[in-house]
N, C-alpha and C. Protein backbone atom coordinates (compact mmCIF):
# COMPACT_ATOMS: atom_id res chain seq x y z
N MET A 1 -0.55 -7.79 2.38
CA MET A 1 -0.35 -6.48 2.93
C MET A 1 1.14 -6.21 3.12
N ALA A 2 1.86 -7.20 3.57
CA ALA A 2 3.31 -7.01 3.80
C ALA A 2 4.04 -6.70 2.50
N GLU A 3 3.62 -7.33 1.40
CA GLU A 3 4.28 -7.05 0.15
C GLU A 3 4.01 -5.63 -0.34
N VAL A 4 2.83 -5.14 -0.09
CA VAL A 4 2.50 -3.77 -0.48
C VAL A 4 3.34 -2.79 0.33
N VAL A 5 3.41 -3.01 1.64
CA VAL A 5 4.22 -2.15 2.51
C VAL A 5 5.71 -2.25 2.11
N SER A 6 6.18 -3.44 1.77
CA SER A 6 7.55 -3.61 1.33
C SER A 6 7.87 -2.82 0.06
N GLU A 7 6.91 -2.82 -0.86
CA GLU A 7 7.09 -2.05 -2.09
C GLU A 7 7.12 -0.56 -1.79
N ILE A 8 6.25 -0.11 -0.87
CA ILE A 8 6.25 1.31 -0.50
C ILE A 8 7.63 1.66 0.14
N ALA A 9 8.09 0.78 1.00
CA ALA A 9 9.38 1.02 1.66
C ALA A 9 10.52 1.09 0.67
N ALA A 10 10.49 0.24 -0.34
CA ALA A 10 11.51 0.25 -1.38
C ALA A 10 11.47 1.54 -2.17
N ALA A 11 10.26 2.04 -2.39
CA ALA A 11 10.11 3.28 -3.15
C ALA A 11 10.48 4.54 -2.34
N ARG A 12 10.21 4.50 -1.04
CA ARG A 12 10.39 5.67 -0.19
C ARG A 12 11.77 5.77 0.44
N GLY A 13 12.40 4.64 0.66
CA GLY A 13 13.76 4.70 1.25
C GLY A 13 13.79 4.37 2.72
N LYS A 14 14.93 4.58 3.32
CA LYS A 14 15.14 4.11 4.70
C LYS A 14 14.42 4.92 5.77
N PHE A 15 13.89 6.07 5.46
CA PHE A 15 13.18 6.86 6.47
C PHE A 15 11.71 6.55 6.55
N PHE A 16 11.23 5.62 5.75
CA PHE A 16 9.85 5.23 5.73
C PHE A 16 9.58 4.28 6.92
N ASP A 17 8.52 4.53 7.67
CA ASP A 17 8.18 3.68 8.83
C ASP A 17 7.23 2.58 8.37
N ALA A 18 7.81 1.47 7.97
CA ALA A 18 7.02 0.35 7.42
C ALA A 18 6.13 -0.27 8.50
N ARG A 19 6.61 -0.34 9.72
CA ARG A 19 5.81 -0.94 10.79
C ARG A 19 4.53 -0.15 11.05
N ALA A 20 4.66 1.17 11.17
CA ALA A 20 3.46 2.00 11.43
C ALA A 20 2.48 1.95 10.25
N THR A 21 3.03 1.93 9.05
CA THR A 21 2.16 1.86 7.88
C THR A 21 1.45 0.50 7.80
N GLY A 22 2.19 -0.54 8.08
CA GLY A 22 1.59 -1.91 8.09
C GLY A 22 0.46 -2.02 9.12
N VAL A 23 0.70 -1.48 10.31
CA VAL A 23 -0.36 -1.50 11.33
C VAL A 23 -1.56 -0.68 10.90
N ALA A 24 -1.32 0.49 10.35
CA ALA A 24 -2.42 1.34 9.87
C ALA A 24 -3.20 0.64 8.78
N PHE A 25 -2.51 0.01 7.82
CA PHE A 25 -3.18 -0.70 6.75
C PHE A 25 -4.01 -1.88 7.30
N ALA A 26 -3.47 -2.61 8.25
CA ALA A 26 -4.19 -3.75 8.84
C ALA A 26 -5.45 -3.26 9.55
N ARG A 27 -5.32 -2.22 10.34
CA ARG A 27 -6.51 -1.67 11.06
C ARG A 27 -7.54 -1.19 10.09
N ALA A 28 -7.09 -0.47 9.01
CA ALA A 28 -8.05 0.06 8.04
C ALA A 28 -8.72 -1.09 7.28
N ALA A 29 -7.97 -2.14 6.97
CA ALA A 29 -8.55 -3.26 6.22
C ALA A 29 -9.59 -3.98 7.08
N LEU A 30 -9.37 -4.07 8.39
CA LEU A 30 -10.35 -4.69 9.26
C LEU A 30 -11.60 -3.82 9.40
N ALA A 31 -11.44 -2.52 9.34
CA ALA A 31 -12.55 -1.59 9.55
C ALA A 31 -13.39 -1.35 8.30
N ASP A 32 -12.77 -1.50 7.11
CA ASP A 32 -13.44 -1.12 5.88
C ASP A 32 -13.17 -2.12 4.75
N PRO A 33 -14.18 -2.87 4.33
CA PRO A 33 -13.97 -3.84 3.25
C PRO A 33 -13.53 -3.20 1.94
N ALA A 34 -13.94 -1.99 1.69
CA ALA A 34 -13.54 -1.29 0.43
C ALA A 34 -12.05 -1.04 0.46
N PHE A 35 -11.51 -0.65 1.62
CA PHE A 35 -10.06 -0.44 1.70
C PHE A 35 -9.34 -1.75 1.52
N LYS A 36 -9.86 -2.83 2.08
CA LYS A 36 -9.26 -4.15 1.91
C LYS A 36 -9.22 -4.54 0.43
N ASP A 37 -10.28 -4.27 -0.28
CA ASP A 37 -10.35 -4.56 -1.71
C ASP A 37 -9.32 -3.73 -2.48
N HIS A 38 -9.19 -2.45 -2.11
CA HIS A 38 -8.22 -1.57 -2.78
C HIS A 38 -6.78 -2.08 -2.53
N LEU A 39 -6.51 -2.50 -1.31
CA LEU A 39 -5.21 -3.06 -0.97
C LEU A 39 -4.92 -4.30 -1.78
N ALA A 40 -5.95 -5.16 -1.92
CA ALA A 40 -5.80 -6.40 -2.74
C ALA A 40 -5.52 -6.08 -4.19
N GLU A 41 -6.21 -5.05 -4.71
CA GLU A 41 -6.01 -4.65 -6.11
C GLU A 41 -4.57 -4.17 -6.35
N ILE A 42 -4.05 -3.38 -5.44
CA ILE A 42 -2.66 -2.90 -5.59
C ILE A 42 -1.71 -4.07 -5.47
N HIS A 43 -2.01 -5.00 -4.58
CA HIS A 43 -1.14 -6.19 -4.45
C HIS A 43 -1.12 -7.00 -5.75
N GLU A 44 -2.27 -7.12 -6.39
CA GLU A 44 -2.35 -7.84 -7.66
C GLU A 44 -1.51 -7.13 -8.74
N ARG A 45 -1.55 -5.79 -8.74
CA ARG A 45 -0.75 -5.05 -9.71
C ARG A 45 0.74 -5.25 -9.47
N ILE A 46 1.13 -5.27 -8.20
CA ILE A 46 2.54 -5.53 -7.85
C ILE A 46 2.96 -6.89 -8.36
N LEU A 47 2.15 -7.89 -8.11
CA LEU A 47 2.49 -9.26 -8.56
C LEU A 47 2.54 -9.34 -10.08
N ALA A 48 1.62 -8.67 -10.76
CA ALA A 48 1.62 -8.67 -12.23
C ALA A 48 2.86 -8.02 -12.77
N ARG A 49 3.26 -6.95 -12.14
CA ARG A 49 4.48 -6.23 -12.58
C ARG A 49 5.71 -7.12 -12.38
N ARG A 50 5.77 -7.83 -11.27
CA ARG A 50 6.90 -8.74 -11.00
C ARG A 50 6.94 -9.84 -12.05
N ALA A 51 5.75 -10.31 -12.45
CA ALA A 51 5.70 -11.41 -13.42
C ALA A 51 6.22 -10.99 -14.78
N LEU A 52 6.13 -9.67 -15.07
CA LEU A 52 6.64 -9.19 -16.38
C LEU A 52 8.16 -9.24 -16.42
N ASN A 53 8.80 -9.21 -15.25
CA ASN A 53 10.24 -9.31 -15.15
C ASN A 53 10.95 -8.15 -15.91
N VAL A 54 10.38 -6.96 -15.81
CA VAL A 54 10.95 -5.77 -16.45
C VAL A 54 11.71 -5.01 -15.36
N PRO A 55 12.86 -4.44 -15.68
CA PRO A 55 13.60 -3.66 -14.68
C PRO A 55 12.74 -2.53 -14.10
N ARG A 56 12.86 -2.31 -12.81
CA ARG A 56 12.03 -1.34 -12.07
C ARG A 56 12.12 0.05 -12.69
N HIS A 57 13.29 0.45 -13.15
CA HIS A 57 13.45 1.82 -13.66
C HIS A 57 12.74 2.05 -15.00
N LEU A 58 12.28 1.00 -15.64
CA LEU A 58 11.54 1.13 -16.91
C LEU A 58 10.03 1.17 -16.70
N LEU A 59 9.58 0.98 -15.47
CA LEU A 59 8.17 0.91 -15.20
C LEU A 59 7.62 2.23 -14.64
N VAL A 60 6.38 2.44 -14.78
CA VAL A 60 5.70 3.59 -14.22
C VAL A 60 5.68 3.41 -12.69
N SER A 61 5.93 4.48 -12.01
CA SER A 61 5.98 4.45 -10.55
C SER A 61 4.59 4.18 -9.94
N PHE A 62 4.61 3.42 -8.87
CA PHE A 62 3.39 3.17 -8.09
C PHE A 62 3.22 4.23 -7.00
N ASN A 63 4.14 5.17 -6.90
CA ASN A 63 4.08 6.15 -5.81
C ASN A 63 2.72 6.86 -5.69
N PRO A 64 2.11 7.29 -6.79
CA PRO A 64 0.79 7.95 -6.62
C PRO A 64 -0.26 6.98 -6.02
N LEU A 65 -0.21 5.72 -6.41
CA LEU A 65 -1.12 4.76 -5.84
C LEU A 65 -0.86 4.53 -4.36
N PHE A 66 0.41 4.48 -4.01
CA PHE A 66 0.78 4.29 -2.62
C PHE A 66 0.33 5.47 -1.76
N HIS A 67 0.51 6.67 -2.30
CA HIS A 67 0.10 7.88 -1.59
C HIS A 67 -1.43 7.84 -1.36
N ASP A 68 -2.18 7.52 -2.41
CA ASP A 68 -3.63 7.43 -2.30
C ASP A 68 -4.04 6.39 -1.25
N LEU A 69 -3.36 5.28 -1.22
CA LEU A 69 -3.65 4.20 -0.28
C LEU A 69 -3.39 4.68 1.16
N GLU A 70 -2.31 5.36 1.38
CA GLU A 70 -2.02 5.89 2.70
C GLU A 70 -3.08 6.91 3.15
N GLU A 71 -3.48 7.78 2.25
CA GLU A 71 -4.52 8.74 2.58
C GLU A 71 -5.85 8.05 2.87
N GLU A 72 -6.17 7.04 2.07
CA GLU A 72 -7.42 6.30 2.29
C GLU A 72 -7.40 5.61 3.64
N ALA A 73 -6.26 5.02 4.03
CA ALA A 73 -6.16 4.35 5.32
C ALA A 73 -6.35 5.38 6.45
N ALA A 74 -5.78 6.57 6.32
CA ALA A 74 -5.96 7.60 7.32
C ALA A 74 -7.41 8.00 7.46
N ARG A 75 -8.10 8.14 6.34
CA ARG A 75 -9.55 8.50 6.38
C ARG A 75 -10.36 7.41 7.05
N VAL A 76 -10.08 6.16 6.73
CA VAL A 76 -10.82 5.04 7.33
C VAL A 76 -10.58 5.05 8.84
N LEU A 77 -9.36 5.22 9.24
CA LEU A 77 -9.05 5.16 10.67
C LEU A 77 -9.65 6.35 11.43
N ARG A 78 -9.72 7.52 10.77
CA ARG A 78 -10.41 8.67 11.43
C ARG A 78 -11.88 8.38 11.62
N ARG A 79 -12.53 7.78 10.62
CA ARG A 79 -13.93 7.43 10.75
C ARG A 79 -14.19 6.39 11.80
N ALA A 80 -13.24 5.47 11.97
CA ALA A 80 -13.39 4.37 12.92
C ALA A 80 -13.13 4.75 14.38
N GLU A 81 -12.53 5.92 14.59
CA GLU A 81 -12.23 6.36 15.98
C GLU A 81 -13.53 6.61 16.71
N PRO A 82 -13.54 6.23 18.00
CA PRO A 82 -14.79 6.43 18.81
C PRO A 82 -14.99 7.88 19.17
């Protein structure tokens, strides 16, 4: 989870709140196994991309995936609220 949040922070810049996003992702992963699986899938993609050793500027951006993941976490947390 930390690596995914770190990648999002690298893509978004210094105004990104990594701590809040990490907490939200952790809470969502505990509440919903499907979200946890999606998070693991994105982590695997990040690791695979690193293994290719291709410069970041030549690769397709993960930003749409990150955005979807953040929206999914928000939906999970809204459903989990009492």
